[in-house]
Amino acid sequence: MDLVIGKYEYYVFTSIEPYVHAVMTIASDYKNFVVLVTNHLRETSDADLHNVFQPYGNVISAKVVVCTYTGMTGGFAFVQFDNRVDAQRAIHKLDGTIPNHIDATIGVEWAAANPTTAT
């Protein structure tokens, strides 16, 4: 296991199956308010991702998914906020935009079902 977001650890993503496993793991605890970021450039770093999302709320973790075998990113990442309102704001403001530090149109959505009933 290589990627850590909050208290979760995820397998290296070399196929869609581990990706689905990671999303299902996130779905088991809605209090983490994790968003999925897609279509970013392969050169995007964790720090770049953090800088893009920080203006929308307290970012607990920002992790670009990297394959340990190739060293390349899979073109997606996870960003964890400490509350639903900030995560939703980031989704609303950033989905379909070209933010600084990334220079590509990104997709931003809930990594799991929208946690509207979470406390």
Protein backbone atom coordinates (compact mmCIF):
# COMPACT_ATOMS: atom_id res chain seq x y z
CA MET A 1 0.00 0.00 0.00
CA ASP A 2 1.41 3.33 -1.02
CA LEU A 3 -1.07 6.20 -0.95
CA VAL A 4 -2.36 7.57 2.33
CA ILE A 5 -5.25 10.00 2.69
CA GLY A 6 -6.29 10.68 6.25
CA LYS A 7 -6.55 7.31 7.93
CA TYR A 8 -6.99 5.33 4.70
CA GLU A 9 -4.31 3.63 2.67
CA TYR A 10 -4.76 2.70 -0.99
CA TYR A 11 -3.11 0.21 -3.29
CA VAL A 12 -1.05 1.44 -6.22
CA PHE A 13 -3.33 2.02 -9.18
CA THR A 14 -2.28 -0.16 -12.08
CA SER A 15 -5.81 -1.05 -13.18
CA ILE A 16 -9.40 0.09 -12.55
CA GLU A 17 -10.02 -2.56 -9.85
CA PRO A 18 -7.86 -0.92 -7.13
CA TYR A 19 -9.37 2.46 -8.06
CA VAL A 20 -12.86 1.09 -7.41
CA HIS A 21 -11.59 -0.38 -4.13
CA ALA A 22 -10.26 3.03 -3.04
CA VAL A 23 -13.54 4.78 -3.85
CA MET A 24 -15.51 2.12 -1.99
CA THR A 25 -13.20 2.52 1.02
CA ILE A 26 -13.76 6.27 1.00
CA ALA A 27 -17.51 5.71 0.74
CA SER A 28 -17.47 3.82 4.02
CA ASP A 29 -16.72 7.01 6.00
CA TYR A 30 -18.46 10.14 4.72
CA LYS A 31 -16.89 12.29 7.43
CA ASN A 32 -13.73 12.54 5.33
CA PHE A 33 -15.26 14.71 2.58
CA VAL A 34 -12.99 13.53 -0.21
CA VAL A 35 -13.21 14.83 -3.77
CA LEU A 36 -11.84 13.17 -6.89
CA VAL A 37 -9.80 15.31 -9.27
CA THR A 38 -9.44 14.06 -12.85
CA ASN A 39 -7.66 15.13 -16.04
CA HIS A 40 -4.79 17.01 -14.38
CA LEU A 41 -1.39 17.09 -16.06
CA ARG A 42 1.02 14.28 -15.33
CA GLU A 43 3.47 16.81 -13.84
CA THR A 44 0.99 17.98 -11.17
CA SER A 45 2.41 17.56 -7.66
CA ASP A 46 0.69 17.15 -4.30
CA ALA A 47 1.76 20.72 -3.47
CA ASP A 48 0.23 22.06 -6.71
CA LEU A 49 -3.01 20.31 -5.89
CA HIS A 50 -3.01 21.62 -2.33
CA ASN A 51 -2.42 25.20 -3.57
CA VAL A 52 -5.33 24.97 -6.00
CA PHE A 53 -7.82 23.68 -3.42
CA GLN A 54 -6.70 25.55 -0.28
CA PRO A 55 -8.62 28.78 -1.11
CA TYR A 56 -11.90 26.84 -0.85
CA GLY A 57 -11.38 25.47 2.66
CA ASN A 58 -9.15 23.55 5.02
CA VAL A 59 -7.42 20.85 2.97
CA ILE A 60 -6.45 17.92 5.16
CA SER A 61 -4.72 15.98 2.38
CA ALA A 62 -4.04 16.35 -1.34
CA LYS A 63 -2.57 13.31 -3.07
CA VAL A 64 -1.81 12.71 -6.73
CA VAL A 65 -2.03 9.00 -7.49
CA VAL A 66 1.34 7.73 -8.73
CA CYS A 67 2.22 4.26 -9.99
CA THR A 68 5.28 3.00 -8.11
CA TYR A 69 6.34 0.88 -11.08
CA THR A 70 6.41 3.64 -13.72
CA GLY A 71 6.58 6.76 -11.54
CA MET A 72 3.79 8.27 -13.65
CA THR A 73 0.50 9.62 -12.39
CA GLY A 74 -2.78 8.11 -13.42
CA GLY A 75 -4.20 11.56 -14.20
CA PHE A 76 -6.32 11.62 -11.07
CA ALA A 77 -5.98 12.59 -7.44
CA PHE A 78 -7.86 12.83 -4.15
CA VAL A 79 -8.31 15.95 -2.01
CA GLN A 80 -9.69 15.65 1.51
CA PHE A 81 -11.45 18.55 3.25
CA ASP A 82 -12.45 18.78 6.89
CA ASN A 83 -16.10 19.60 6.11
CA ARG A 84 -18.76 19.09 3.45
CA VAL A 85 -19.40 22.79 2.76
CA ASP A 86 -15.78 23.45 1.76
CA ALA A 87 -15.61 20.32 -0.38
CA GLN A 88 -18.86 21.23 -2.15
CA ARG A 89 -17.59 24.79 -2.74
CA ALA A 90 -14.41 23.44 -4.34
CA ILE A 91 -16.42 21.11 -6.58
CA HIS A 92 -18.72 23.95 -7.64
CA LYS A 93 -15.92 26.45 -8.30
CA LEU A 94 -13.24 24.21 -9.83
CA ASP A 95 -15.04 21.56 -11.90
CA GLY A 96 -14.40 22.26 -15.58
CA THR A 97 -11.86 25.04 -14.94
CA ILE A 98 -8.17 25.49 -15.75
CA PRO A 99 -6.63 26.46 -12.39
CA ASN A 100 -3.18 27.96 -11.85
CA HIS A 101 -0.47 25.39 -11.04
CA ILE A 102 -2.22 22.74 -13.16
CA ASP A 103 -2.76 24.38 -16.59
CA ALA A 104 -5.32 21.83 -17.78
CA THR A 105 -9.10 21.56 -17.53
CA ILE A 106 -9.87 19.46 -14.46
CA GLY A 107 -12.90 17.50 -13.37
CA VAL A 108 -13.83 17.70 -9.69
CA GLU A 109 -16.52 15.53 -8.12
CA TRP A 110 -17.28 13.58 -4.96
CA ALA A 111 -15.03 10.54 -4.63
CA ALA A 112 -18.04 8.75 -3.13
CA ALA A 113 -21.75 9.44 -2.88
CA ASN A 114 -22.48 13.06 -1.86
CA PRO A 115 -22.32 13.03 1.94
CA THR A 116 -25.38 15.23 2.45
CA THR A 117 -26.39 13.47 5.67
CA ALA A 118 -22.96 13.48 7.30
CA THR A 119 -22.46 15.48 10.47
